[in-house]
């Protein structure tokens, strides 16, 4: 029932938007005809003052002064219609309202996204992510709201765009994760802890949805993601340190999707992840095996925060390794012997360590 009503609402709004666009085009054509008539009137007045021309001029004046029929929905645009649905979503008090409003938003985008220009499509992506800017429904309801927002982005935008448009949407999502808006070019340096920049001021829910959709678009684009591959890896790598498990897991899924889409990057990504796992593991062992100084005893919270930061980073990279290794059958030449030895050595060290 919700889906039927959502499709009906989207159909009505789409008809109104398209009707307003058609009326705006008609008003533009009418204005062009009036300008043309004015030019003809001036030309006729200059060339002759005969009676027949005077009657023609009078007729032109009458046609010029006749006002075209005004549109009843002046100013009704996609932005206003979609913005109203977003407002309803933000003001909703029950999960049924959010689910129904989300379905209507997805249905409207499905009908309109192909006709939108790049600026409007970018605005729509940002507007949808902003729905989770300050969620106030509680942990369980926030998770369901994330599912609704993810459905809007996936079913409404990503699944109905061309390959070029999907690449643009992916670039917008990467910018929401902190990537520079520099087109399709990315730096050639590998992603590592030393090069990681802080994530933007997005909450965990926004990060989770954005990374989920990055993973989906990378899988959809497959080999076509190559121009953005380095940018995807470098941007997602920063979220592997996030305190929330869901963000780390979705980030690992996105990087694993990149390995399946670009198998040539698999060995390098696994090597970097394993090296950083060993680094964080060693620092974690040193931290818990050394006695805290008197100063550190008085600031126990700082020491615990440092320990948790290493554990988050270690788990994030372990997730990348575990999920990326599932794509080994897609690698052209398999895995090098050195990498497998490295992976087994790291796993053995973790299993034998009591931290």
C-alpha atoms as a PDB file:
ATOM      1  CA  UNK A   1       0.000   0.000   0.000  1.00  0.00           C
ATOM      2  CA  UNK A   2       2.848   2.395   0.881  1.00  0.00           C
ATOM      3  CA  UNK A   3       4.538   1.674  -2.434  1.00  0.00           C
ATOM      4  CA  UNK A   4       1.324   2.288  -4.384  1.00  0.00           C
ATOM      5  CA  UNK A   5       0.732   5.611  -2.653  1.00  0.00           C
ATOM      6  CA  UNK A   6       4.395   6.571  -3.111  1.00  0.00           C
ATOM      7  CA  UNK A   7       4.213   5.898  -6.841  1.00  0.00           C
ATOM      8  CA  UNK A   8       0.966   7.859  -7.090  1.00  0.00           C
ATOM      9  CA  UNK A   9       2.474  10.849  -5.257  1.00  0.00           C
ATOM     10  CA  UNK A  10       5.566  10.708  -7.467  1.00  0.00           C
ATOM     11  CA  UNK A  11       3.405  10.543 -10.591  1.00  0.00           C
ATOM     12  CA  UNK A  12       1.390  13.596  -9.556  1.00  0.00           C
ATOM     13  CA  UNK A  13       4.483  15.594  -8.643  1.00  0.00           C
ATOM     14  CA  UNK A  14       6.212  14.584 -11.882  1.00  0.00           C
ATOM     15  CA  UNK A  15       3.192  15.705 -13.916  1.00  0.00           C
ATOM     16  CA  UNK A  16       3.179  19.029 -12.090  1.00  0.00           C
ATOM     17  CA  UNK A  17       6.929  19.524 -12.618  1.00  0.00           C
ATOM     18  CA  UNK A  18       6.728  18.597 -16.302  1.00  0.00           C
ATOM     19  CA  UNK A  19       3.609  20.775 -16.744  1.00  0.00           C
ATOM     20  CA  UNK A  20       5.372  23.762 -15.226  1.00  0.00           C
ATOM     21  CA  UNK A  21       8.410  23.146 -17.463  1.00  0.00           C
ATOM     22  CA  UNK A  22       6.174  22.959 -20.540  1.00  0.00           C
ATOM     23  CA  UNK A  23       4.353  26.152 -19.567  1.00  0.00           C
ATOM     24  CA  UNK A  24       7.649  27.929 -18.951  1.00  0.00           C
ATOM     25  CA  UNK A  25       8.815  26.883 -22.414  1.00  0.00           C
ATOM     26  CA  UNK A  26       5.533  28.113 -23.896  1.00  0.00           C
ATOM     27  CA  UNK A  27       5.935  31.463 -22.154  1.00  0.00           C
ATOM     28  CA  UNK A  28       9.421  31.719 -23.587  1.00  0.00           C
ATOM     29  CA  UNK A  29       8.151  30.947 -27.084  1.00  0.00           C
ATOM     30  CA  UNK A  30       5.352  33.500 -26.665  1.00  0.00           C
ATOM     31  CA  UNK A  31       7.868  36.128 -25.639  1.00  0.00           C
ATOM     32  CA  UNK A  32       9.942  35.337 -28.716  1.00  0.00           C
ATOM     33  CA  UNK A  33       6.873  35.717 -30.944  1.00  0.00           C
ATOM     34  CA  UNK A  34       6.048  39.084 -29.346  1.00  0.00           C
ATOM     35  CA  UNK A  35       9.570  40.301 -29.977  1.00  0.00           C
ATOM     36  CA  UNK A  36       9.306  39.176 -33.581  1.00  0.00           C
ATOM     37  CA  UNK A  37       5.983  40.981 -34.009  1.00  0.00           C
ATOM     38  CA  UNK A  38       7.417  44.178 -32.565  1.00  0.00           C
ATOM     39  CA  UNK A  39      10.257  44.017 -35.051  1.00  0.00           C
ATOM     40  CA  UNK A  40       7.799  43.457 -37.918  1.00  0.00           C
ATOM     41  CA  UNK A  41       5.700  46.383 -36.728  1.00  0.00           C
ATOM     42  CA  UNK A  42       8.670  48.722 -36.651  1.00  0.00           C
ATOM     43  CA  UNK A  43       9.802  47.601 -40.071  1.00  0.00           C
ATOM     44  CA  UNK A  44       6.335  48.071 -41.569  1.00  0.00           C
ATOM     45  CA  UNK A  45       6.006  51.536 -40.066  1.00  0.00           C
ATOM     46  CA  UNK A  46       9.321  52.615 -41.544  1.00  0.00           C
ATOM     47  CA  UNK A  47       8.736  51.233 -45.035  1.00  0.00           C
ATOM     48  CA  UNK A  48       5.222  52.503 -45.791  1.00  0.00           C
ATOM     49  CA  UNK A  49       2.327  54.441 -44.395  1.00  0.00           C
ATOM     50  CA  UNK A  50      -0.324  52.986 -46.686  1.00  0.00           C
ATOM     51  CA  UNK A  51      -3.724  52.146 -45.195  1.00  0.00           C
ATOM     52  CA  UNK A  52      -3.370  48.383 -45.571  1.00  0.00           C
ATOM     53  CA  UNK A  53      -0.125  48.491 -43.642  1.00  0.00           C
ATOM     54  CA  UNK A  54      -1.777  50.644 -40.993  1.00  0.00           C
ATOM     55  CA  UNK A  55      -4.408  47.978 -40.500  1.00  0.00           C
ATOM     56  CA  UNK A  56      -1.704  45.331 -40.329  1.00  0.00           C
ATOM     57  CA  UNK A  57       0.171  47.368 -37.768  1.00  0.00           C
ATOM     58  CA  UNK A  58      -2.970  47.705 -35.658  1.00  0.00           C
ATOM     59  CA  UNK A  59      -3.448  43.960 -35.769  1.00  0.00           C
ATOM     60  CA  UNK A  60       0.155  43.389 -34.701  1.00  0.00           C
ATOM     61  CA  UNK A  61      -0.345  45.776 -31.798  1.00  0.00           C
ATOM     62  CA  UNK A  62      -3.452  43.910 -30.746  1.00  0.00           C
ATOM     63  CA  UNK A  63      -1.630  40.581 -30.821  1.00  0.00           C
ATOM     64  CA  UNK A  64       1.293  42.040 -28.911  1.00  0.00           C
ATOM     65  CA  UNK A  65      -0.828  43.489 -26.140  1.00  0.00           C
ATOM     66  CA  UNK A  66      -2.801  40.251 -25.683  1.00  0.00           C
ATOM     67  CA  UNK A  67      -1.371  38.649 -22.567  1.00  0.00           C
ATOM     68  CA  UNK A  68      -0.589  34.939 -22.685  1.00  0.00           C
ATOM     69  CA  UNK A  69      -2.345  32.625 -20.252  1.00  0.00           C
ATOM     70  CA  UNK A  70      -0.401  32.485 -17.007  1.00  0.00           C
ATOM     71  CA  UNK A  71       0.592  29.118 -15.559  1.00  0.00           C
ATOM     72  CA  UNK A  72      -1.192  28.094 -12.399  1.00  0.00           C
ATOM     73  CA  UNK A  73       1.900  26.393 -10.962  1.00  0.00           C
ATOM     74  CA  UNK A  74       4.474  29.118 -11.544  1.00  0.00           C
ATOM     75  CA  UNK A  75       7.663  28.317  -9.668  1.00  0.00           C
ATOM     76  CA  UNK A  76       6.844  24.627  -9.049  1.00  0.00           C
ATOM     77  CA  UNK A  77      10.154  22.853  -9.657  1.00  0.00           C
ATOM     78  CA  UNK A  78      11.840  19.580  -8.825  1.00  0.00           C
ATOM     79  CA  UNK A  79      13.778  21.285  -6.029  1.00  0.00           C
ATOM     80  CA  UNK A  80      10.618  22.582  -4.366  1.00  0.00           C
ATOM     81  CA  UNK A  81       8.778  19.235  -4.660  1.00  0.00           C
ATOM     82  CA  UNK A  82      11.706  17.132  -3.470  1.00  0.00           C
ATOM     83  CA  UNK A  83      12.542  19.617  -0.718  1.00  0.00           C
ATOM     84  CA  UNK A  84       8.976  19.324   0.591  1.00  0.00           C
ATOM     85  CA  UNK A  85       9.269  15.524   0.746  1.00  0.00           C
ATOM     86  CA  UNK A  86      12.571  15.867   2.596  1.00  0.00           C
ATOM     87  CA  UNK A  87      10.891  18.156   5.114  1.00  0.00           C
ATOM     88  CA  UNK A  88       8.162  15.575   5.645  1.00  0.00           C
ATOM     89  CA  UNK A  89      10.821  12.910   6.226  1.00  0.00           C
ATOM     90  CA  UNK A  90      12.613  15.056   8.814  1.00  0.00           C
ATOM     91  CA  UNK A  91       9.367  15.821  10.657  1.00  0.00           C
ATOM     92  CA  UNK A  92       8.142  12.217  10.655  1.00  0.00           C
ATOM     93  CA  UNK A  93       7.499  10.609  14.025  1.00  0.00           C
ATOM     94  CA  UNK A  94       7.030   6.943  13.084  1.00  0.00           C
ATOM     95  CA  UNK A  95       8.987   4.472  11.007  1.00  0.00           C
ATOM     96  CA  UNK A  96       5.970   3.974   8.725  1.00  0.00           C
ATOM     97  CA  UNK A  97       5.967   7.676   7.860  1.00  0.00           C
ATOM     98  CA  UNK A  98       9.683   7.612   7.123  1.00  0.00           C
ATOM     99  CA  UNK A  99       9.363   4.466   5.012  1.00  0.00           C
ATOM    100  CA  UNK A 100       6.455   5.886   3.015  1.00  0.00           C
ATOM    101  CA  UNK A 101       8.101   9.281   2.508  1.00  0.00           C
ATOM    102  CA  UNK A 102      11.359   7.606   1.511  1.00  0.00           C
ATOM    103  CA  UNK A 103       9.518   5.469  -1.050  1.00  0.00           C
ATOM    104  CA  UNK A 104       7.871   8.601  -2.487  1.00  0.00           C
ATOM    105  CA  UNK A 105      11.250  10.351  -2.712  1.00  0.00           C
ATOM    106  CA  UNK A 106      12.780   7.350  -4.488  1.00  0.00           C
ATOM    107  CA  UNK A 107       9.848   7.138  -6.918  1.00  0.00           C
ATOM    108  CA  UNK A 108      10.084  10.855  -7.717  1.00  0.00           C
ATOM    109  CA  UNK A 109      13.833  10.638  -8.303  1.00  0.00           C
ATOM    110  CA  UNK A 110      13.347   7.574 -10.482  1.00  0.00           C
ATOM    111  CA  UNK A 111      11.080   9.599 -12.760  1.00  0.00           C
ATOM    112  CA  UNK A 112      13.133  12.803 -12.776  1.00  0.00           C
ATOM    113  CA  UNK A 113      16.820  11.920 -12.271  1.00  0.00           C
ATOM    114  CA  UNK A 114      17.584  11.346 -15.965  1.00  0.00           C
ATOM    115  CA  UNK A 115      16.245  14.825 -16.814  1.00  0.00           C
ATOM    116  CA  UNK A 116      18.225  16.585 -14.076  1.00  0.00           C
ATOM    117  CA  UNK A 117      21.403  18.483 -14.815  1.00  0.00           C
ATOM    118  CA  UNK A 118      24.609  17.840 -12.877  1.00  0.00           C
ATOM    119  CA  UNK A 119      23.986  20.648 -10.380  1.00  0.00           C
ATOM    120  CA  UNK A 120      20.466  19.412  -9.537  1.00  0.00           C
ATOM    121  CA  UNK A 121      21.663  15.824  -9.184  1.00  0.00           C
ATOM    122  CA  UNK A 122      24.461  16.939  -6.847  1.00  0.00           C
ATOM    123  CA  UNK A 123      21.952  18.965  -4.851  1.00  0.00           C
ATOM    124  CA  UNK A 124      19.663  15.928  -4.538  1.00  0.00           C
ATOM    125  CA  UNK A 125      22.472  13.687  -3.229  1.00  0.00           C
ATOM    126  CA  UNK A 126      23.522  16.278  -0.650  1.00  0.00           C
ATOM    127  CA  UNK A 127      19.917  16.933   0.375  1.00  0.00           C
ATOM    128  CA  UNK A 128      19.302  13.224   0.961  1.00  0.00           C
ATOM    129  CA  UNK A 129      22.449  12.819   3.083  1.00  0.00           C
ATOM    130  CA  UNK A 130      21.450  15.867   5.126  1.00  0.00           C
ATOM    131  CA  UNK A 131      18.338  14.000   6.254  1.00  0.00           C
ATOM    132  CA  UNK A 132      20.640  12.204   8.716  1.00  0.00           C
ATOM    133  CA  UNK A 133      22.430  15.345   9.851  1.00  0.00           C
ATOM    134  CA  UNK A 134      20.774  15.330  13.283  1.00  0.00           C
ATOM    135  CA  UNK A 135      18.792  12.097  13.714  1.00  0.00           C
ATOM    136  CA  UNK A 136      16.718  12.141  16.881  1.00  0.00           C
ATOM    137  CA  UNK A 137      14.766   8.890  16.695  1.00  0.00           C
ATOM    138  CA  UNK A 138      16.989   6.619  18.790  1.00  0.00           C
ATOM    139  CA  UNK A 139      19.600   3.994  17.747  1.00  0.00           C
ATOM    140  CA  UNK A 140      17.155   1.440  16.316  1.00  0.00           C
ATOM    141  CA  UNK A 141      15.024   3.993  14.499  1.00  0.00           C
ATOM    142  CA  UNK A 142      18.147   5.784  13.255  1.00  0.00           C
ATOM    143  CA  UNK A 143      19.328   2.528  11.687  1.00  0.00           C
ATOM    144  CA  UNK A 144      15.967   2.150   9.936  1.00  0.00           C
ATOM    145  CA  UNK A 145      16.176   5.774   8.775  1.00  0.00           C
ATOM    146  CA  UNK A 146      19.614   4.970   7.327  1.00  0.00           C
ATOM    147  CA  UNK A 147      18.059   2.087   5.401  1.00  0.00           C
ATOM    148  CA  UNK A 148      15.378   4.421   4.032  1.00  0.00           C
ATOM    149  CA  UNK A 149      17.939   7.057   2.998  1.00  0.00           C
ATOM    150  CA  UNK A 150      20.131   4.401   1.400  1.00  0.00           C
ATOM    151  CA  UNK A 151      17.098   3.167  -0.558  1.00  0.00           C
ATOM    152  CA  UNK A 152      16.433   6.698  -1.819  1.00  0.00           C
ATOM    153  CA  UNK A 153      20.025   7.067  -3.054  1.00  0.00           C
ATOM    154  CA  UNK A 154      20.204   3.620  -4.604  1.00  0.00           C
ATOM    155  CA  UNK A 155      16.740   3.066  -6.076  1.00  0.00           C
ATOM    156  CA  UNK A 156      16.109   6.711  -6.874  1.00  0.00           C
ATOM    157  CA  UNK A 157      19.464   7.933  -8.200  1.00  0.00           C
ATOM    158  CA  UNK A 158      22.203   5.348  -8.701  1.00  0.00           C
ATOM    159  CA  UNK A 159      20.100   2.653 -10.379  1.00  0.00           C
ATOM    160  CA  UNK A 160      18.567   5.061 -12.902  1.00  0.00           C
ATOM    161  CA  UNK A 161      21.661   6.948 -14.047  1.00  0.00           C
ATOM    162  CA  UNK A 162      23.905   6.364 -17.009  1.00  0.00           C
ATOM    163  CA  UNK A 163      27.486   5.261 -16.465  1.00  0.00           C
ATOM    164  CA  UNK A 164      28.761   8.826 -16.733  1.00  0.00           C
ATOM    165  CA  UNK A 165      26.124  10.061 -14.291  1.00  0.00           C
ATOM    166  CA  UNK A 166      26.952   7.248 -11.854  1.00  0.00           C
ATOM    167  CA  UNK A 167      30.591   8.363 -11.952  1.00  0.00           C
ATOM    168  CA  UNK A 168      29.508  11.911 -11.112  1.00  0.00           C
ATOM    169  CA  UNK A 169      27.346  10.678  -8.215  1.00  0.00           C
ATOM    170  CA  UNK A 170      30.265   8.605  -6.924  1.00  0.00           C
ATOM    171  CA  UNK A 171      32.476  11.693  -7.015  1.00  0.00           C
ATOM    172  CA  UNK A 172      29.857  13.656  -5.030  1.00  0.00           C
ATOM    173  CA  UNK A 173      29.703  10.908  -2.394  1.00  0.00           C
ATOM    174  CA  UNK A 174      33.492  10.880  -2.118  1.00  0.00           C
ATOM    175  CA  UNK A 175      33.430  14.638  -1.571  1.00  0.00           C
ATOM    176  CA  UNK A 176      30.943  14.104   1.261  1.00  0.00           C
ATOM    177  CA  UNK A 177      33.542  11.769   2.791  1.00  0.00           C
ATOM    178  CA  UNK A 178      36.230  14.440   2.611  1.00  0.00           C
ATOM    179  CA  UNK A 179      37.720  14.052  -0.868  1.00  0.00           C
ATOM    180  CA  UNK A 180      38.733  17.206  -2.683  1.00  0.00           C
ATOM    181  CA  UNK A 181      36.332  18.289  -5.463  1.00  0.00           C
ATOM    182  CA  UNK A 182      39.034  17.991  -8.101  1.00  0.00           C
ATOM    183  CA  UNK A 183      37.205  16.232 -10.905  1.00  0.00           C
ATOM    184  CA  UNK A 184      38.213  12.653 -11.608  1.00  0.00           C
ATOM    185  CA  UNK A 185      41.899  12.980 -10.832  1.00  0.00           C
ATOM    186  CA  UNK A 186      43.387  11.489  -7.679  1.00  0.00           C
ATOM    187  CA  UNK A 187      46.858  11.609  -6.175  1.00  0.00           C
ATOM    188  CA  UNK A 188      49.187   8.804  -7.105  1.00  0.00           C
ATOM    189  CA  UNK A 189      50.483   8.262  -3.583  1.00  0.00           C
ATOM    190  CA  UNK A 190      49.216   5.120  -1.804  1.00  0.00           C
ATOM    191  CA  UNK A 191      46.783   5.423   1.070  1.00  0.00           C
ATOM    192  CA  UNK A 192      48.476   5.087   4.456  1.00  0.00           C
ATOM    193  CA  UNK A 193      48.186   6.350   8.005  1.00  0.00           C
ATOM    194  CA  UNK A 194      50.724   9.111   7.402  1.00  0.00           C
ATOM    195  CA  UNK A 195      48.759  10.516   4.461  1.00  0.00           C
ATOM    196  CA  UNK A 196      45.282  10.169   5.950  1.00  0.00           C
ATOM    197  CA  UNK A 197      43.404  13.414   6.488  1.00  0.00           C
ATOM    198  CA  UNK A 198      40.602  13.872   9.031  1.00  0.00           C
ATOM    199  CA  UNK A 199      37.083  12.972   7.981  1.00  0.00           C
ATOM    200  CA  UNK A 200      34.621  15.842   7.522  1.00  0.00           C
ATOM    201  CA  UNK A 201      32.132  16.710  10.212  1.00  0.00           C
ATOM    202  CA  UNK A 202      29.672  13.960   9.272  1.00  0.00           C
ATOM    203  CA  UNK A 203      28.047  11.798  11.898  1.00  0.00           C
ATOM    204  CA  UNK A 204      28.299   8.030  11.911  1.00  0.00           C
ATOM    205  CA  UNK A 205      24.942   7.592  10.156  1.00  0.00           C
ATOM    206  CA  UNK A 206      25.869   9.828   7.231  1.00  0.00           C
ATOM    207  CA  UNK A 207      29.265   8.139   6.889  1.00  0.00           C
ATOM    208  CA  UNK A 208      27.663   4.702   6.960  1.00  0.00           C
ATOM    209  CA  UNK A 209      25.160   5.516   4.203  1.00  0.00           C
ATOM    210  CA  UNK A 210      27.723   7.336   2.052  1.00  0.00           C
ATOM    211  CA  UNK A 211      30.206   4.449   2.218  1.00  0.00           C
ATOM    212  CA  UNK A 212      27.442   1.928   1.492  1.00  0.00           C
ATOM    213  CA  UNK A 213      26.529   3.768  -1.684  1.00  0.00           C
ATOM    214  CA  UNK A 214      30.177   4.141  -2.669  1.00  0.00           C
ATOM    215  CA  UNK A 215      30.469   0.357  -2.415  1.00  0.00           C
ATOM    216  CA  UNK A 216      27.323  -0.124  -4.523  1.00  0.00           C
ATOM    217  CA  UNK A 217      28.448   2.302  -7.230  1.00  0.00           C
ATOM    218  CA  UNK A 218      31.928   0.784  -7.391  1.00  0.00           C
ATOM    219  CA  UNK A 219      30.342  -2.633  -7.959  1.00  0.00           C
ATOM    220  CA  UNK A 220      27.970  -1.225 -10.607  1.00  0.00           C
ATOM    221  CA  UNK A 221      30.681   0.636 -12.503  1.00  0.00           C
ATOM    222  CA  UNK A 222      33.165  -2.254 -12.313  1.00  0.00           C
ATOM    223  CA  UNK A 223      36.050  -1.515 -14.735  1.00  0.00           C
ATOM    224  CA  UNK A 224      34.605   1.936 -15.458  1.00  0.00           C
ATOM    225  CA  UNK A 225      35.528   3.046 -11.925  1.00  0.00           C
ATOM    226  CA  UNK A 226      39.204   3.200 -12.945  1.00  0.00           C
ATOM    227  CA  UNK A 227      39.410   7.038 -13.172  1.00  0.00           C
ATOM    228  CA  UNK A 228      38.208   7.276  -9.560  1.00  0.00           C
ATOM    229  CA  UNK A 229      39.837   4.129  -8.184  1.00  0.00           C
ATOM    230  CA  UNK A 230      42.699   5.851  -6.352  1.00  0.00           C
ATOM    231  CA  UNK A 231      40.351   8.480  -4.995  1.00  0.00           C
ATOM    232  CA  UNK A 232      37.983   5.808  -3.688  1.00  0.00           C
ATOM    233  CA  UNK A 233      40.803   3.959  -1.952  1.00  0.00           C
ATOM    234  CA  UNK A 234      42.370   7.016  -0.359  1.00  0.00           C
ATOM    235  CA  UNK A 235      39.050   8.474   0.799  1.00  0.00           C
ATOM    236  CA  UNK A 236      37.642   5.247   2.228  1.00  0.00           C
ATOM    237  CA  UNK A 237      40.922   4.357   3.921  1.00  0.00           C
ATOM    238  CA  UNK A 238      40.445   7.198   6.409  1.00  0.00           C
ATOM    239  CA  UNK A 239      37.197   5.674   7.709  1.00  0.00           C
ATOM    240  CA  UNK A 240      38.935   2.429   8.743  1.00  0.00           C
ATOM    241  CA  UNK A 241      39.854   4.133  12.036  1.00  0.00           C
ATOM    242  CA  UNK A 242      36.291   5.160  12.882  1.00  0.00           C
ATOM    243  CA  UNK A 243      35.063   4.223  16.383  1.00  0.00           C
ATOM    244  CA  UNK A 244      31.783   2.774  15.067  1.00  0.00           C
ATOM    245  CA  UNK A 245      31.876  -0.840  13.944  1.00  0.00           C
ATOM    246  CA  UNK A 246      29.262  -0.321  11.213  1.00  0.00           C
ATOM    247  CA  UNK A 247      31.327   2.418   9.550  1.00  0.00           C
ATOM    248  CA  UNK A 248      34.492   0.296   9.626  1.00  0.00           C
ATOM    249  CA  UNK A 249      32.682  -2.739   8.217  1.00  0.00           C
ATOM    250  CA  UNK A 250      30.985  -0.811   5.402  1.00  0.00           C
ATOM    251  CA  UNK A 251      34.321   0.813   4.566  1.00  0.00           C
ATOM    252  CA  UNK A 252      35.989  -2.588   4.375  1.00  0.00           C
ATOM    253  CA  UNK A 253      33.172  -3.731   2.091  1.00  0.00           C
ATOM    254  CA  UNK A 254      33.712  -0.720  -0.185  1.00  0.00           C
ATOM    255  CA  UNK A 255      37.456  -1.360  -0.456  1.00  0.00           C
ATOM    256  CA  UNK A 256      36.817  -5.057  -1.119  1.00  0.00           C
ATOM    257  CA  UNK A 257      34.393  -4.046  -3.893  1.00  0.00           C
ATOM    258  CA  UNK A 258      37.176  -1.909  -5.348  1.00  0.00           C
ATOM    259  CA  UNK A 259      39.499  -4.938  -5.330  1.00  0.00           C
ATOM    260  CA  UNK A 260      36.908  -6.955  -7.273  1.00  0.00           C
ATOM    261  CA  UNK A 261      36.359  -4.100  -9.733  1.00  0.00           C
ATOM    262  CA  UNK A 262      40.082  -3.379 -10.149  1.00  0.00           C
ATOM    263  CA  UNK A 263      41.932  -6.666  -9.466  1.00  0.00           C
ATOM    264  CA  UNK A 264      45.283  -5.060 -10.300  1.00  0.00           C
ATOM    265  CA  UNK A 265      45.003  -3.016  -7.093  1.00  0.00           C
ATOM    266  CA  UNK A 266      44.339  -6.060  -4.908  1.00  0.00           C
ATOM    267  CA  UNK A 267      47.899  -7.039  -4.058  1.00  0.00           C
ATOM    268  CA  UNK A 268      48.917  -3.479  -3.182  1.00  0.00           C
ATOM    269  CA  UNK A 269      45.857  -2.924  -0.985  1.00  0.00           C
ATOM    270  CA  UNK A 270      46.431  -6.196   0.875  1.00  0.00           C
ATOM    271  CA  UNK A 271      50.107  -5.404   1.401  1.00  0.00           C
ATOM    272  CA  UNK A 272      49.367  -1.945   2.804  1.00  0.00           C
ATOM    273  CA  UNK A 273      46.611  -3.301   5.060  1.00  0.00           C
ATOM    274  CA  UNK A 274      48.840  -6.073   6.436  1.00  0.00           C
ATOM    275  CA  UNK A 275      51.739  -3.715   7.064  1.00  0.00           C
ATOM    276  CA  UNK A 276      49.514  -1.283   8.922  1.00  0.00           C
ATOM    277  CA  UNK A 277      47.969  -4.150  10.895  1.00  0.00           C
ATOM    278  CA  UNK A 278      51.417  -5.138  12.106  1.00  0.00           C
ATOM    279  CA  UNK A 279      52.230  -1.532  12.958  1.00  0.00           C
ATOM    280  CA  UNK A 280      49.097  -1.012  15.032  1.00  0.00           C
ATOM    281  CA  UNK A 281      49.489  -4.432  16.629  1.00  0.00           C
ATOM    282  CA  UNK A 282      53.030  -3.664  17.707  1.00  0.00           C
ATOM    283  CA  UNK A 283      52.091  -0.259  19.084  1.00  0.00           C
ATOM    284  CA  UNK A 284      49.161  -1.802  20.943  1.00  0.00           C
ATOM    285  CA  UNK A 285      51.390  -4.472  22.486  1.00  0.00           C
ATOM    286  CA  UNK A 286      53.932  -1.882  23.602  1.00  0.00           C
ATOM    287  CA  UNK A 287      51.200   0.269  25.070  1.00  0.00           C
ATOM    288  CA  UNK A 288      49.655  -2.456  27.245  1.00  0.00           C
ATOM    289  CA  UNK A 289      52.935  -4.139  28.199  1.00  0.00           C
ATOM    290  CA  UNK A 290      54.629  -1.040  29.623  1.00  0.00           C
ATOM    291  CA  UNK A 291      53.837   0.328  33.043  1.00  0.00           C
ATOM    292  CA  UNK A 292      52.200   3.737  32.927  1.00  0.00           C
ATOM    293  CA  UNK A 293      54.161   6.636  34.319  1.00  0.00           C
ATOM    294  CA  UNK A 294      52.887   8.757  37.181  1.00  0.00           C
ATOM    295  CA  UNK A 295      51.642  11.334  34.725  1.00  0.00           C
ATOM    296  CA  UNK A 296      49.852   8.671  32.670  1.00  0.00           C
ATOM    297  CA  UNK A 297      48.226   7.246  35.793  1.00  0.00           C
ATOM    298  CA  UNK A 298      46.563  10.580  36.427  1.00  0.00           C
ATOM    299  CA  UNK A 299      45.314  10.694  32.810  1.00  0.00           C
ATOM    300  CA  UNK A 300      44.043   7.164  32.427  1.00  0.00           C
ATOM    301  CA  UNK A 301      41.352   8.239  29.987  1.00  0.00           C
ATOM    302  CA  UNK A 302      43.939   9.393  27.465  1.00  0.00           C
ATOM    303  CA  UNK A 303      45.760   6.066  27.645  1.00  0.00           C
ATOM    304  CA  UNK A 304      42.499   4.151  27.141  1.00  0.00           C
ATOM    305  CA  UNK A 305      41.583   6.362  24.189  1.00  0.00           C
ATOM    306  CA  UNK A 306      44.962   5.640  22.582  1.00  0.00           C
ATOM    307  CA  UNK A 307      44.503   1.907  23.127  1.00  0.00           C
ATOM    308  CA  UNK A 308      41.025   1.970  21.585  1.00  0.00           C
ATOM    309  CA  UNK A 309      42.274   3.985  18.613  1.00  0.00           C
ATOM    310  CA  UNK A 310      44.841   1.276  17.813  1.00  0.00           C
ATOM    311  CA  UNK A 311      42.196  -1.440  18.236  1.00  0.00           C
ATOM    312  CA  UNK A 312      39.790   0.344  15.885  1.00  0.00           C
ATOM    313  CA  UNK A 313      42.511   0.778  13.273  1.00  0.00           C
ATOM    314  CA  UNK A 314      43.600  -2.851  13.636  1.00  0.00           C
ATOM    315  CA  UNK A 315      40.039  -4.109  13.221  1.00  0.00           C
ATOM    316  CA  UNK A 316      39.385  -1.889  10.209  1.00  0.00           C
ATOM    317  CA  UNK A 317      42.396  -3.215   8.329  1.00  0.00           C
ATOM    318  CA  UNK A 318      41.642  -6.803   9.334  1.00  0.00           C
ATOM    319  CA  UNK A 319      38.173  -6.323   7.839  1.00  0.00           C
ATOM    320  CA  UNK A 320      39.730  -5.114   4.581  1.00  0.00           C
ATOM    321  CA  UNK A 321      42.033  -8.145   4.421  1.00  0.00           C
ATOM    322  CA  UNK A 322      39.258 -10.625   5.227  1.00  0.00           C
ATOM    323  CA  UNK A 323      36.830  -9.214   2.643  1.00  0.00           C
ATOM    324  CA  UNK A 324      39.421  -8.477  -0.050  1.00  0.00           C
ATOM    325  CA  UNK A 325      40.786 -12.021   0.098  1.00  0.00           C
ATOM    326  CA  UNK A 326      37.379 -13.216  -1.099  1.00  0.00           C
ATOM    327  CA  UNK A 327      38.218 -11.604  -4.437  1.00  0.00           C
ATOM    328  CA  UNK A 328      41.365 -13.684  -4.932  1.00  0.00           C
ATOM    329  CA  UNK A 329      39.776 -15.881  -7.652  1.00  0.00           C
ATOM    330  CA  UNK A 330      39.292 -12.732  -9.729  1.00  0.00           C
ATOM    331  CA  UNK A 331      42.965 -11.763  -9.613  1.00  0.00           C
ATOM    332  CA  UNK A 332      44.653 -12.562 -12.912  1.00  0.00           C
ATOM    333  CA  UNK A 333      47.751 -14.204 -11.381  1.00  0.00           C
ATOM    334  CA  UNK A 334      46.501 -15.047  -7.912  1.00  0.00           C
ATOM    335  CA  UNK A 335      48.468 -13.896  -4.878  1.00  0.00           C
ATOM    336  CA  UNK A 336      52.259 -13.720  -4.619  1.00  0.00           C
ATOM    337  CA  UNK A 337      53.860 -16.221  -2.222  1.00  0.00           C
ATOM    338  CA  UNK A 338      55.352 -13.361  -0.221  1.00  0.00           C
ATOM    339  CA  UNK A 339      51.890 -11.890   0.404  1.00  0.00           C
ATOM    340  CA  UNK A 340      50.397 -15.192   1.579  1.00  0.00           C
ATOM    341  CA  UNK A 341      53.330 -15.697   3.958  1.00  0.00           C
ATOM    342  CA  UNK A 342      52.805 -12.155   5.221  1.00  0.00           C
ATOM    343  CA  UNK A 343      49.093 -12.788   5.794  1.00  0.00           C
ATOM    344  CA  UNK A 344      49.627 -16.083   7.640  1.00  0.00           C
ATOM    345  CA  UNK A 345      52.399 -14.546   9.756  1.00  0.00           C
ATOM    346  CA  UNK A 346      50.168 -11.640  10.758  1.00  0.00           C
ATOM    347  CA  UNK A 347      47.260 -13.964  11.575  1.00  0.00           C
ATOM    348  CA  UNK A 348      49.506 -16.217  13.682  1.00  0.00           C
ATOM    349  CA  UNK A 349      50.872 -13.237  15.627  1.00  0.00           C
ATOM    350  CA  UNK A 350      47.351 -12.048  16.397  1.00  0.00           C
ATOM    351  CA  UNK A 351      46.178 -15.505  17.468  1.00  0.00           C
ATOM    352  CA  UNK A 352      49.129 -15.990  19.821  1.00  0.00           C
ATOM    353  CA  UNK A 353      48.863 -12.564  21.426  1.00  0.00           C
ATOM    354  CA  UNK A 354      46.776 -11.906  24.490  1.00  0.00           C
ATOM    355  CA  UNK A 355      45.996  -8.195  24.560  1.00  0.00           C
END
